[in-house]
Amino acid sequence: MSRRADLLGKTRRALAVGSSGIGQRIAQHAYRSTGAADLLFNLDLEDLLVEVPAELPVPSMRPERGRPLRIGWVTTPPAAGSGGHTTLFRIVEALEAAGHGCVLFLYDKHGLDVARLTSVIRENWPGMAAEIRDARAGIADIDAVVATSWESAHVIVKYAHSPMRRLYFIQDYEPFFYGQGAEHEFAAMTYRLPFRRIALGEMLDGMIREQTGLASDVVPFGCDSAVYHLPAVGTVRSGIVFYCRPETPRRGYQLACLTLMVFHRRHPDQEIHVYGAPPRGLSIPITFHGRLSTSALNELYGRTIAGLAMSFTNITLVAEEMLAAGNIPVVNDNPLAGLVLPNPHVRWAEPSAAALADALSTAVTADDLAGRAAAAAASVVGRSWTPTQDAVVRIIIEEVTGA
C-alpha cells in the first residue's frame, strides 16, 4: 500500500470515529505503551504470597471473655459511596457499640496520606470511631485481624507477624473478577489460608464450596429498609433504572447495554434512567443521573417500575434496595442466587439480553403497577443489617475467646 493510500485510509477511519474515538485510541496507545495497567494491580510483587502457609502464629492463651477486644481490619482506601466499605464499616460500628476497639489498616502500594483518608472516613462514615493506620507500617497491637478482600489477605500474611487470630470477611467470589490467569490464582489461594472465613450469604458460601470444597461461616445479607421505602401515595411510576459500572466486569456492563437496547426497541415510550458511571457506546436515549445520594436513589427507585440489577460474583445489594422502594428488580439467574434472595417479587432471568429484556418487558406491562410495588416493598419491611452485624460480631468474639 502506498503512503498516500495509507494516509487516506487513516483519515477516513478518523472521520468515522470522530474526536471521541480518536481520543480513545490515543489513550489506548498510551495505556499500553506506558504499562498503565500495572496501576490497577494494587499489590507490590514483594507483598504477594509465594505459597499457602500451613499455619500462622496464634496466641498461646485466649483473652478472658468479657474483656474489650481490639480488632484490626485490612482494606483498601475507601471512597465516598463505596458499597463494599459501607457494609464492612457497619460491622466495625457494631463491634464498637459492643465495647470493642477497632483499627483500620489501609493498604495502597502507591502510598497513603493517612491524615487525608482519616478525614474522608470521618466525613462519610461518622458513626465509626476506628483508629486508622498504614498497613505497611505493620499490623500489630490487636487480638485479631480481618481480611476484607483477596489483596488484604496477602497483606495480612506479609505484615502481621505477631500472634493473633485471623479471619476473612468475604463479600464476593473474587477469583471471578478476573480471567483464568495470575490474578485469578492469587485470589483463589487466599481461601486456603488458615483464616476463619465468613461468607456474606449462601450464594457466596456455595461458590466457595464448589470451587474449593471448603466450608465457611455464613452470615445473612441485610437491607436498610429505613432508608429505602415506598414513595408518597399517588406517585406515578414509569420507566426503568440501571446501575452503570463499565469498569467492573462482574456488573455485566456490555450485557446490560445490549439488554437496554433490546428493551428500548420494544418499549420506546419507557424512559431509561442510568446512574453511577457514564455509559459509553449506548446508542439509545437515556436519562443519566450520575452518582446519587441514598435519598435521591430511593426517590428514583420510587418513581420507576423496574430495574436491572446484575452481579456475577454474589447477589447485588441493589436488588433488595429496589424492592424496598417498590421497584421490581430484574436479576441474572444463578443456581445459588435464590438461596440469598428468596423473594417472589424478584424477576430472575438467564444472563442473555433477550431473557433480561423479556423480564423487564413483563414488569413494565404488568397490570396493577401500584399494587405490585406495594407488595414488593411489604416483602422487605423491617429488614436491616442488624442480623448481619450480630452474626459477624459473634463469630469474631468466638474466634478470639474460644467461647
Protein backbone atom coordinates (compact mmCIF):
# COMPACT_ATOMS: atom_id res chain seq x y z
CA MET A 1 0.00 0.00 0.00
CA SER A 2 1.32 3.47 -0.90
CA ARG A 3 1.87 6.07 1.77
CA ARG A 4 -0.85 8.21 0.15
CA ALA A 5 -3.42 5.37 0.27
CA ASP A 6 -2.43 4.56 3.84
CA LEU A 7 -2.90 8.20 4.85
CA LEU A 8 -6.28 8.39 3.13
CA GLY A 9 -7.40 5.23 4.89
CA LYS A 10 -6.38 6.57 8.28
CA THR A 11 -8.15 9.85 7.54
CA ARG A 12 -11.38 8.05 6.64
CA ARG A 13 -11.22 5.98 9.85
CA ALA A 14 -10.57 9.10 11.92
CA LEU A 15 -13.57 10.86 10.40
CA ALA A 16 -15.70 7.78 11.05
CA VAL A 17 -14.87 7.51 14.75
CA GLY A 18 -14.90 11.26 15.45
CA SER A 19 -12.97 13.21 18.06
CA SER A 20 -14.01 10.97 20.95
CA GLY A 21 -12.88 7.86 19.07
CA ILE A 22 -9.56 9.47 18.24
CA GLY A 23 -9.10 10.40 21.90
CA GLN A 24 -9.86 6.82 22.96
CA ARG A 25 -7.29 5.42 20.53
CA ILE A 26 -4.61 7.82 21.73
CA ALA A 27 -5.40 6.90 25.33
CA GLN A 28 -5.33 3.20 24.49
CA HIS A 29 -1.91 3.53 22.86
CA ALA A 30 -0.59 5.44 25.88
CA TYR A 31 -2.14 2.88 28.24
CA ARG A 32 -0.34 0.02 26.51
CA SER A 33 2.97 1.73 25.87
CA THR A 34 3.40 3.11 29.39
CA GLY A 35 2.30 -0.02 31.28
CA ALA A 36 -0.52 1.91 32.96
CA ALA A 37 -2.38 -1.37 33.55
CA ASP A 38 0.11 -2.03 36.36
CA LEU A 39 -1.62 0.72 38.36
CA LEU A 40 -4.74 -1.43 38.61
CA PHE A 41 -2.86 -4.26 40.32
CA ASN A 42 -2.77 -2.95 43.87
CA LEU A 43 -0.09 -5.16 45.38
CA ASP A 44 3.67 -4.90 45.20
CA LEU A 45 5.24 -8.13 43.98
CA GLU A 46 7.09 -8.38 47.30
CA ASP A 47 3.73 -8.44 49.12
CA LEU A 48 2.34 -11.41 47.17
CA LEU A 49 2.37 -14.87 48.74
CA VAL A 50 4.59 -17.45 47.09
CA GLU A 51 2.80 -20.32 48.86
CA VAL A 52 -0.07 -21.01 51.24
CA PRO A 53 1.34 -21.35 54.77
CA ALA A 54 0.03 -24.33 56.71
CA GLU A 55 -0.19 -22.27 59.90
CA LEU A 56 0.41 -18.77 61.24
CA PRO A 57 1.26 -17.67 64.81
CA VAL A 58 -1.68 -17.50 67.21
CA PRO A 59 -1.70 -16.52 70.90
CA SER A 60 -0.83 -19.28 73.38
CA MET A 61 -3.70 -18.13 75.60
CA ARG A 62 -7.08 -16.66 74.80
CA PRO A 63 -8.23 -13.41 76.42
CA GLU A 64 -10.71 -13.56 79.25
CA ARG A 65 -14.25 -13.46 77.99
CA GLY A 66 -15.85 -10.08 78.62
CA ARG A 67 -12.61 -8.13 78.19
CA PRO A 68 -12.85 -5.49 75.42
CA LEU A 69 -11.08 -6.77 72.33
CA ARG A 70 -9.06 -4.89 69.75
CA ILE A 71 -9.87 -5.93 66.17
CA GLY A 72 -7.96 -4.91 63.05
CA TRP A 73 -9.46 -4.64 59.57
CA VAL A 74 -7.28 -4.54 56.46
CA THR A 75 -8.81 -2.81 53.46
CA THR A 76 -8.18 -0.53 50.53
CA PRO A 77 -8.64 3.24 50.97
CA PRO A 78 -12.39 3.92 50.78
CA ALA A 79 -14.07 6.49 48.57
CA ALA A 80 -17.38 8.19 49.34
CA GLY A 81 -20.32 5.97 48.45
CA SER A 82 -18.40 2.68 48.33
CA GLY A 83 -20.94 -0.06 48.96
CA GLY A 84 -18.41 -2.70 49.99
CA HIS A 85 -16.78 -0.38 52.51
CA THR A 86 -20.18 0.68 53.85
CA THR A 87 -21.09 -2.96 54.56
CA LEU A 88 -17.72 -3.50 56.22
CA PHE A 89 -17.95 -0.35 58.33
CA ARG A 90 -21.39 -1.40 59.58
CA ILE A 91 -19.67 -4.38 61.20
CA VAL A 92 -16.97 -2.15 62.67
CA GLU A 93 -19.66 0.09 64.19
CA ALA A 94 -21.38 -2.94 65.70
CA LEU A 95 -18.15 -4.10 67.33
CA GLU A 96 -17.57 -0.62 68.72
CA ALA A 97 -21.13 -0.49 70.03
CA ALA A 98 -20.43 -3.78 71.84
CA GLY A 99 -17.50 -2.14 73.63
CA HIS A 100 -14.61 -3.33 71.45
CA GLY A 101 -11.94 -1.21 69.77
CA CYS A 102 -11.16 -1.35 66.03
CA VAL A 103 -8.23 -0.33 63.86
CA LEU A 104 -8.42 0.14 60.09
CA PHE A 105 -5.18 -0.86 58.40
CA LEU A 106 -5.28 0.70 54.94
CA TYR A 107 -3.12 -0.61 52.10
CA ASP A 108 -2.15 1.11 48.85
CA LYS A 109 1.06 0.18 47.07
CA HIS A 110 1.26 3.75 45.73
CA GLY A 111 1.45 5.20 49.25
CA LEU A 112 -1.06 6.62 51.71
CA ASP A 113 -1.93 10.03 53.11
CA VAL A 114 -3.38 8.76 56.39
CA ALA A 115 -4.50 12.23 57.54
CA ARG A 116 -6.45 12.86 54.32
CA LEU A 117 -8.03 9.40 54.37
CA THR A 118 -8.96 9.82 58.03
CA SER A 119 -10.82 12.99 57.05
CA VAL A 120 -12.64 11.17 54.21
CA ILE A 121 -13.67 8.33 56.53
CA ARG A 122 -14.84 10.60 59.35
CA GLU A 123 -16.92 12.67 56.91
CA ASN A 124 -18.60 9.78 55.12
CA TRP A 125 -18.89 7.23 57.96
CA PRO A 126 -19.29 9.43 61.04
CA GLY A 127 -20.66 6.58 63.15
CA MET A 128 -17.32 4.78 63.15
CA ALA A 129 -14.53 5.74 65.56
CA ALA A 130 -11.85 3.25 64.48
CA GLU A 131 -8.20 4.24 64.56
CA ILE A 132 -6.67 4.45 61.09
CA ARG A 133 -3.15 3.26 60.22
CA ASP A 134 -0.99 2.35 57.24
CA ALA A 135 -0.86 -1.46 56.93
CA ARG A 136 2.68 -1.35 55.56
CA ALA A 137 3.87 0.15 58.83
CA GLY A 138 2.95 -3.15 60.47
CA ILE A 139 -0.20 -4.88 61.68
CA ALA A 140 0.15 -5.30 65.43
CA ASP A 141 -1.29 -4.49 68.88
CA ILE A 142 -4.56 -6.30 68.16
CA ASP A 143 -6.29 -9.51 69.23
CA ALA A 144 -7.49 -10.39 65.75
CA VAL A 145 -7.25 -9.13 62.19
CA VAL A 146 -9.88 -9.44 59.45
CA ALA A 147 -9.13 -9.61 55.72
CA THR A 148 -11.74 -7.89 53.56
CA SER A 149 -10.51 -8.76 50.05
CA TRP A 150 -8.04 -11.16 48.45
CA GLU A 151 -5.37 -8.45 48.34
CA SER A 152 -5.77 -7.74 52.04
CA ALA A 153 -5.36 -11.45 52.83
CA HIS A 154 -1.91 -11.37 51.20
CA VAL A 155 -1.13 -8.17 53.13
CA ILE A 156 -2.02 -9.79 56.45
CA VAL A 157 0.40 -12.67 55.93
CA LYS A 158 3.10 -10.21 54.90
CA TYR A 159 2.71 -7.58 57.64
CA ALA A 160 1.00 -9.29 60.62
CA HIS A 161 3.84 -11.24 62.24
CA SER A 162 2.83 -11.30 65.90
CA PRO A 163 0.46 -13.95 67.30
CA MET A 164 -3.18 -13.05 66.61
CA ARG A 165 -6.40 -14.61 65.33
CA ARG A 166 -7.09 -14.18 61.61
CA LEU A 167 -10.48 -14.03 59.90
CA TYR A 168 -11.70 -13.26 56.38
CA PHE A 169 -14.94 -11.34 55.71
CA ILE A 170 -15.85 -12.24 52.11
CA GLN A 171 -18.42 -10.24 50.10
CA ASP A 172 -17.76 -11.63 46.59
CA TYR A 173 -16.17 -14.66 44.98
CA GLU A 174 -13.23 -12.54 43.89
CA PRO A 175 -11.35 -15.00 41.62
CA PHE A 176 -14.24 -14.45 39.18
CA PHE A 177 -13.27 -10.78 38.98
CA TYR A 178 -10.59 -11.92 36.53
CA GLY A 179 -9.94 -14.21 33.59
CA GLN A 180 -8.17 -17.50 34.20
CA GLY A 181 -4.68 -16.26 34.99
CA ALA A 182 -2.36 -14.99 37.70
CA GLU A 183 -4.83 -12.65 39.41
CA HIS A 184 -7.45 -15.40 39.50
CA GLU A 185 -4.99 -17.72 41.21
CA PHE A 186 -3.70 -15.06 43.63
CA ALA A 187 -7.32 -14.52 44.72
CA ALA A 188 -8.25 -18.21 44.87
CA MET A 189 -5.27 -19.18 47.04
CA THR A 190 -6.46 -16.86 49.83
CA TYR A 191 -9.42 -19.14 50.59
CA ARG A 192 -6.93 -21.85 51.59
CA LEU A 193 -5.15 -19.63 54.11
CA PRO A 194 -5.51 -20.59 57.81
CA PHE A 195 -8.11 -17.84 58.34
CA ARG A 196 -11.65 -18.32 59.59
CA ARG A 197 -13.86 -17.47 56.58
CA ILE A 198 -17.10 -15.52 56.92
CA ALA A 199 -19.22 -15.57 53.76
CA LEU A 200 -21.89 -12.94 53.13
CA GLY A 201 -24.84 -15.06 52.03
CA GLU A 202 -25.46 -18.63 50.95
CA MET A 203 -24.66 -17.97 47.28
CA LEU A 204 -21.10 -16.96 48.10
CA ASP A 205 -20.67 -19.86 50.51
CA GLY A 206 -21.88 -22.21 47.77
CA MET A 207 -19.45 -20.74 45.23
CA ILE A 208 -16.52 -21.18 47.61
CA ARG A 209 -17.60 -24.77 48.35
CA GLU A 210 -17.95 -25.57 44.64
CA GLN A 211 -14.53 -24.18 43.77
CA THR A 212 -12.53 -25.25 46.83
CA GLY A 213 -14.52 -27.81 48.82
CA LEU A 214 -14.14 -25.56 51.89
CA ALA A 215 -16.95 -24.50 54.22
CA SER A 216 -17.35 -21.03 55.71
CA ASP A 217 -19.43 -19.40 58.41
CA VAL A 218 -22.43 -17.88 56.61
CA VAL A 219 -23.99 -14.58 57.64
CA PRO A 220 -27.14 -13.11 56.10
CA PHE A 221 -27.44 -10.28 53.64
CA GLY A 222 -29.04 -7.14 55.01
CA CYS A 223 -31.13 -4.32 53.62
CA ASP A 224 -31.61 -0.84 55.02
CA SER A 225 -35.39 -0.63 54.74
CA ALA A 226 -35.34 2.51 56.89
CA VAL A 227 -33.59 4.36 54.04
CA TYR A 228 -35.25 2.65 51.05
CA HIS A 229 -39.04 2.76 51.18
CA LEU A 230 -42.17 3.46 49.15
CA PRO A 231 -42.72 6.98 47.77
CA ALA A 232 -45.66 9.20 48.63
CA VAL A 233 -49.11 7.82 47.87
CA GLY A 234 -50.18 8.68 44.34
CA THR A 235 -46.70 8.65 42.80
CA VAL A 236 -46.99 7.54 39.18
CA ARG A 237 -44.36 5.05 38.08
CA SER A 238 -42.84 4.78 34.61
CA GLY A 239 -39.60 3.66 33.04
CA ILE A 240 -36.74 1.53 34.29
CA VAL A 241 -33.43 2.15 36.06
CA PHE A 242 -29.92 0.75 35.64
CA TYR A 243 -26.83 0.99 37.87
CA CYS A 244 -23.91 1.55 35.49
CA ARG A 245 -20.38 0.30 36.30
CA PRO A 246 -18.50 -0.09 32.95
CA GLU A 247 -15.13 -0.73 34.61
CA THR A 248 -16.42 -3.57 36.82
CA PRO A 249 -16.72 -6.82 34.83
CA ARG A 250 -18.86 -8.56 37.45
CA ARG A 251 -21.61 -5.97 36.80
CA GLY A 252 -22.09 -7.25 33.24
CA TYR A 253 -21.95 -3.83 31.58
CA GLN A 254 -21.91 -4.91 27.92
CA LEU A 255 -24.70 -7.42 28.55
CA ALA A 256 -26.72 -4.69 30.29
CA CYS A 257 -26.22 -2.30 27.35
CA LEU A 258 -27.44 -4.91 24.88
CA THR A 259 -30.41 -5.66 27.14
CA LEU A 260 -31.37 -1.99 27.30
CA MET A 261 -31.13 -1.68 23.52
CA VAL A 262 -33.48 -4.66 23.05
CA PHE A 263 -35.84 -3.27 25.68
CA HIS A 264 -35.89 0.19 24.06
CA ARG A 265 -36.82 -1.25 20.67
CA ARG A 266 -39.80 -2.94 22.29
CA HIS A 267 -40.79 -0.07 24.58
CA PRO A 268 -39.57 3.26 23.14
CA ASP A 269 -42.10 5.05 25.36
CA GLN A 270 -40.42 3.82 28.58
CA GLU A 271 -37.73 6.18 29.86
CA ILE A 272 -34.41 4.51 30.75
CA HIS A 273 -32.70 6.03 33.80
CA VAL A 274 -28.99 5.38 34.35
CA TYR A 275 -26.99 6.26 37.46
CA GLY A 276 -23.42 5.60 38.58
CA ALA A 277 -20.74 5.99 35.91
CA PRO A 278 -21.47 7.50 32.47
CA PRO A 279 -22.39 4.80 29.92
CA ARG A 280 -20.25 4.50 26.81
CA GLY A 281 -21.38 3.47 23.34
CA LEU A 282 -25.05 3.20 24.29
CA SER A 283 -26.89 4.46 21.20
CA ILE A 284 -30.37 4.82 22.70
CA PRO A 285 -31.99 7.70 24.60
CA ILE A 286 -31.27 7.61 28.33
CA THR A 287 -31.55 9.97 31.30
CA PHE A 288 -28.23 9.99 33.14
CA HIS A 289 -28.22 10.96 36.82
CA GLY A 290 -24.56 10.49 37.81
CA ARG A 291 -23.79 9.46 41.38
CA LEU A 292 -26.79 9.73 43.70
CA SER A 293 -27.22 10.00 47.45
CA THR A 294 -29.28 7.27 49.09
CA SER A 295 -32.28 9.60 49.42
CA ALA A 296 -32.11 10.60 45.74
CA LEU A 297 -31.68 6.97 44.75
CA ASN A 298 -34.71 5.96 46.80
CA GLU A 299 -36.71 8.68 45.02
CA LEU A 300 -35.60 7.36 41.61
CA TYR A 301 -36.46 3.76 42.50
CA GLY A 302 -39.79 5.00 43.84
CA ARG A 303 -40.93 6.52 40.53
CA THR A 304 -39.71 3.79 38.18
CA ILE A 305 -41.29 0.39 37.56
CA ALA A 306 -38.34 -1.95 37.33
CA GLY A 307 -34.56 -2.04 37.45
CA LEU A 308 -31.68 -4.04 36.05
CA ALA A 309 -29.63 -5.35 38.99
CA MET A 310 -26.85 -7.64 37.81
CA SER A 311 -23.82 -9.14 39.52
CA PHE A 312 -21.95 -12.35 38.76
CA THR A 313 -19.91 -12.88 41.96
CA ASN A 314 -22.65 -12.52 44.58
CA ILE A 315 -26.12 -11.03 44.78
CA THR A 316 -26.02 -7.25 44.45
CA LEU A 317 -27.33 -5.14 47.33
CA VAL A 318 -29.15 -3.05 44.71
CA ALA A 319 -31.83 -5.72 44.17
CA GLU A 320 -33.26 -5.61 47.70
CA GLU A 321 -32.94 -1.82 47.88
CA MET A 322 -35.08 -1.61 44.74
CA LEU A 323 -37.66 -3.93 46.32
CA ALA A 324 -37.87 -1.74 49.42
CA ALA A 325 -38.83 1.21 47.21
CA GLY A 326 -41.40 -0.86 45.29
CA ASN A 327 -39.21 -1.26 42.20
CA ILE A 328 -39.13 -4.73 40.60
CA PRO A 329 -35.51 -5.91 40.19
CA VAL A 330 -34.52 -8.00 37.19
CA VAL A 331 -31.54 -10.13 38.24
CA ASN A 332 -29.30 -12.51 36.32
CA ASP A 333 -30.12 -16.01 37.49
CA ASN A 334 -27.70 -18.36 39.23
CA PRO A 335 -28.49 -21.76 40.77
CA LEU A 336 -27.41 -20.46 44.19
CA ALA A 337 -28.87 -16.96 43.98
CA GLY A 338 -32.33 -17.85 45.19
CA LEU A 339 -30.86 -19.03 48.49
CA VAL A 340 -29.81 -15.45 49.25
CA LEU A 341 -32.83 -13.64 47.87
CA PRO A 342 -35.85 -15.97 48.10
CA ASN A 343 -38.28 -13.20 47.22
CA PRO A 344 -41.25 -13.83 44.91
CA HIS A 345 -41.13 -10.27 43.53
CA VAL A 346 -37.65 -10.64 42.02
CA ARG A 347 -37.67 -11.44 38.30
CA TRP A 348 -34.88 -13.90 37.60
CA ALA A 349 -33.61 -14.25 34.04
CA GLU A 350 -30.88 -16.21 32.32
CA PRO A 351 -27.92 -13.94 31.51
CA SER A 352 -28.81 -13.19 27.89
CA ALA A 353 -30.01 -9.87 26.51
CA ALA A 354 -33.24 -11.39 25.20
CA ALA A 355 -34.15 -13.05 28.51
CA LEU A 356 -33.30 -9.99 30.61
CA ALA A 357 -35.24 -7.72 28.25
CA ASP A 358 -38.20 -10.14 28.43
CA ALA A 359 -38.20 -9.83 32.22
CA LEU A 360 -38.10 -6.03 32.04
CA SER A 361 -40.93 -6.08 29.47
CA THR A 362 -43.06 -8.30 31.71
CA ALA A 363 -42.52 -5.91 34.61
CA VAL A 364 -43.46 -2.69 32.77
CA THR A 365 -46.53 -4.22 31.06
CA ALA A 366 -47.96 -5.86 34.19
CA ASP A 367 -51.35 -4.75 35.47
CA ASP A 368 -51.84 -3.00 38.84
CA LEU A 369 -48.34 -1.50 38.99
CA ALA A 370 -49.11 0.29 42.25
CA GLY A 371 -50.33 -2.88 43.91
CA ARG A 372 -47.30 -4.85 42.75
CA ALA A 373 -44.98 -2.11 44.01
CA ALA A 374 -46.66 -2.07 47.41
CA ALA A 375 -46.42 -5.86 47.70
CA ALA A 376 -42.72 -5.80 46.74
CA ALA A 377 -41.96 -3.17 49.37
CA ALA A 378 -44.00 -5.01 52.01
CA SER A 379 -41.91 -8.14 51.41
CA VAL A 380 -38.80 -6.46 52.87
CA VAL A 381 -40.33 -4.23 55.54
CA GLY A 382 -38.30 -4.42 58.72
CA ARG A 383 -35.21 -5.79 57.01
CA SER A 384 -31.97 -4.36 58.35
CA TRP A 385 -28.27 -5.07 58.70
CA THR A 386 -28.60 -5.90 62.40
CA PRO A 387 -28.68 -9.71 61.93
CA THR A 388 -25.54 -9.48 59.78
CA GLN A 389 -23.77 -7.29 62.32
CA ASP A 390 -24.75 -9.54 65.22
CA ALA A 391 -23.60 -12.68 63.40
CA VAL A 392 -20.19 -11.31 62.41
CA VAL A 393 -19.57 -9.85 65.88
CA ARG A 394 -20.47 -13.21 67.45
CA ILE A 395 -18.10 -15.11 65.12
CA ILE A 396 -15.20 -12.73 65.78
CA ILE A 397 -15.64 -12.90 69.56
CA GLU A 398 -16.00 -16.68 69.38
CA GLU A 399 -12.79 -16.98 67.32
CA VAL A 400 -10.79 -14.76 69.65
CA THR A 401 -12.03 -16.00 73.02
CA GLY A 402 -12.80 -19.60 72.07
CA ALA A 403 -16.14 -19.33 73.80
